[in-house]
C-alpha atoms as a PDB file:
ATOM      1  CA  MET A   1     -11.731 -13.934   3.820  1.00  0.00           C
ATOM      2  CA  THR A   2     -11.338 -10.152   4.017  1.00  0.00           C
ATOM      3  CA  ALA A   3      -8.541  -8.113   5.545  1.00  0.00           C
ATOM      4  CA  THR A   4      -8.939  -6.444   8.898  1.00  0.00           C
ATOM      5  CA  ALA A   5      -7.273  -3.139   9.766  1.00  0.00           C
ATOM      6  CA  LYS A   6      -4.699  -5.082  11.797  1.00  0.00           C
ATOM      7  CA  ASP A   7      -3.946  -7.357   8.829  1.00  0.00           C
ATOM      8  CA  ALA A   8      -3.572  -4.358   6.546  1.00  0.00           C
ATOM      9  CA  SER A   9      -1.256  -2.525   8.943  1.00  0.00           C
ATOM     10  CA  GLN A  10       1.063  -5.551   8.882  1.00  0.00           C
ATOM     11  CA  ALA A  11       1.578  -4.947   5.140  1.00  0.00           C
ATOM     12  CA  ILE A  12       2.955  -1.413   5.706  1.00  0.00           C
ATOM     13  CA  GLY A  13       6.669  -1.253   4.993  1.00  0.00           C
ATOM     14  CA  ARG A  14       6.720  -4.483   2.980  1.00  0.00           C
ATOM     15  CA  SER A  15       7.167  -4.937  -0.733  1.00  0.00           C
ATOM     16  CA  PRO A  16       4.011  -6.112  -2.519  1.00  0.00           C
ATOM     17  CA  ASP A  17       6.167  -8.983  -3.818  1.00  0.00           C
ATOM     18  CA  GLN A  18       6.738 -10.141  -0.228  1.00  0.00           C
ATOM     19  CA  LEU A  19       3.049 -10.711   0.448  1.00  0.00           C
ATOM     20  CA  THR A  20       2.135 -14.365   0.807  1.00  0.00           C
ATOM     21  CA  LEU A  21      -0.544 -15.893  -1.386  1.00  0.00           C
ATOM     22  CA  SER A  22      -2.866 -15.910   1.625  1.00  0.00           C
ATOM     23  CA  GLU A  23      -2.203 -12.204   2.274  1.00  0.00           C
ATOM     24  CA  ARG A  24      -2.722 -11.341  -1.395  1.00  0.00           C
ATOM     25  CA  ALA A  25      -6.069 -13.142  -1.270  1.00  0.00           C
ATOM     26  CA  ARG A  26      -7.105 -11.155   1.839  1.00  0.00           C
ATOM     27  CA  PHE A  27      -5.911  -7.839   0.370  1.00  0.00           C
ATOM     28  CA  ALA A  28      -7.243  -8.404  -3.170  1.00  0.00           C
ATOM     29  CA  GLY A  29      -9.248  -5.376  -4.254  1.00  0.00           C
ATOM     30  CA  LEU A  30      -7.638  -3.018  -1.726  1.00  0.00           C
ATOM     31  CA  PHE A  31      -5.533  -0.062  -2.836  1.00  0.00           C
ATOM     32  CA  ILE A  32      -1.896   0.431  -1.911  1.00  0.00           C
ATOM     33  CA  ALA A  33       0.338   3.509  -2.054  1.00  0.00           C
ATOM     34  CA  LEU A  34       3.913   3.143  -3.312  1.00  0.00           C
ATOM     35  CA  GLU A  35       6.400   6.012  -3.537  1.00  0.00           C
ATOM     36  CA  ILE A  36       6.847   7.279  -7.098  1.00  0.00           C
ATOM     37  CA  TYR A  37      10.223   6.661  -8.721  1.00  0.00           C
ATOM     38  CA  THR A  38      12.248   9.736  -9.606  1.00  0.00           C
ATOM     39  CA  PRO A  39      15.890   9.902 -10.720  1.00  0.00           C
ATOM     40  CA  GLU A  40      16.670  11.946  -7.584  1.00  0.00           C
ATOM     41  CA  ALA A  41      15.096   9.439  -5.225  1.00  0.00           C
ATOM     42  CA  ILE A  42      15.067   5.752  -5.929  1.00  0.00           C
ATOM     43  CA  PRO A  43      12.448   4.554  -3.458  1.00  0.00           C
ATOM     44  CA  LEU A  44      12.167   1.050  -2.171  1.00  0.00           C
ATOM     45  CA  ARG A  45       8.977  -0.511  -3.463  1.00  0.00           C
ATOM     46  CA  ARG A  46       7.287  -0.671  -0.078  1.00  0.00           C
ATOM     47  CA  ILE A  47       3.628  -0.390   0.765  1.00  0.00           C
ATOM     48  CA  GLU A  48       3.250   2.895   2.630  1.00  0.00           C
ATOM     49  CA  ALA A  49      -0.553   2.813   2.902  1.00  0.00           C
ATOM     50  CA  ILE A  50      -3.307   0.291   2.250  1.00  0.00           C
ATOM     51  CA  GLY A  51      -7.073   0.828   2.229  1.00  0.00           C
ATOM     52  CA  ALA A  52     -10.407   0.227   0.579  1.00  0.00           C
ATOM     53  CA  SER A  53     -10.019   3.375  -1.542  1.00  0.00           C
ATOM     54  CA  ILE A  54      -7.407   5.816  -2.728  1.00  0.00           C
ATOM     55  CA  GLU A  55      -8.902   8.317  -0.285  1.00  0.00           C
ATOM     56  CA  ASP A  56      -8.199   5.889   2.589  1.00  0.00           C
ATOM     57  CA  CYS A  57      -4.580   5.653   1.440  1.00  0.00           C
ATOM     58  CA  VAL A  58      -4.281   9.445   1.229  1.00  0.00           C
ATOM     59  CA  ARG A  59      -5.651   9.825   4.785  1.00  0.00           C
ATOM     60  CA  THR A  60      -3.149   7.249   6.060  1.00  0.00           C
ATOM     61  CA  LEU A  61      -0.243   8.956   4.305  1.00  0.00           C
ATOM     62  CA  LYS A  62      -1.235  12.380   5.663  1.00  0.00           C
ATOM     63  CA  ALA A  63      -1.582  10.935   9.184  1.00  0.00           C
ATOM     64  CA  ARG A  64       1.974   9.619   8.838  1.00  0.00           C
ATOM     65  CA  GLY A  65       3.210  13.063   7.715  1.00  0.00           C
ATOM     66  CA  LEU A  66       3.829  11.950   4.120  1.00  0.00           C
ATOM     67  CA  ASP A  67       2.930  13.900   0.962  1.00  0.00           C
ATOM     68  CA  PRO A  68       0.260  11.929  -0.956  1.00  0.00           C
ATOM     69  CA  LEU A  69       1.389  13.536  -4.229  1.00  0.00           C
ATOM     70  CA  ARG A  70       4.682  11.613  -4.026  1.00  0.00           C
ATOM     71  CA  PHE A  71       2.896   8.258  -4.246  1.00  0.00           C
ATOM     72  CA  GLU A  72       1.242   6.116  -6.872  1.00  0.00           C
ATOM     73  CA  TYR A  73      -1.876   4.144  -6.077  1.00  0.00           C
ATOM     74  CA  THR A  74      -2.739   0.738  -7.399  1.00  0.00           C
ATOM     75  CA  GLN A  75      -5.336  -1.884  -6.656  1.00  0.00           C
ATOM     76  CA  LEU A  76      -4.000  -5.246  -5.531  1.00  0.00           C
ATOM     77  CA  GLY A  77      -5.005  -8.351  -7.406  1.00  0.00           C
ATOM     78  CA  LEU A  78      -4.234 -11.967  -6.608  1.00  0.00           C
ATOM     79  CA  MET A  79      -1.065 -11.811  -8.708  1.00  0.00           C
END
């Protein structure tokens, strides 16, 4: 089963650790954007963008008025 845009949008604002096994299976292979840790700002580890590519994540972040350079990008696996 693959993730739809609606499924993916439901992951925004949640920690990757909060995803259910079913959600992780649907999102496996997709990229997520998480704010980079700095000593000045200790971000919550929340998914701020999710997409099929890093470019998709960057577009989502820009559309939300966020600076893509302040995020790290990682591909989700099953665990």
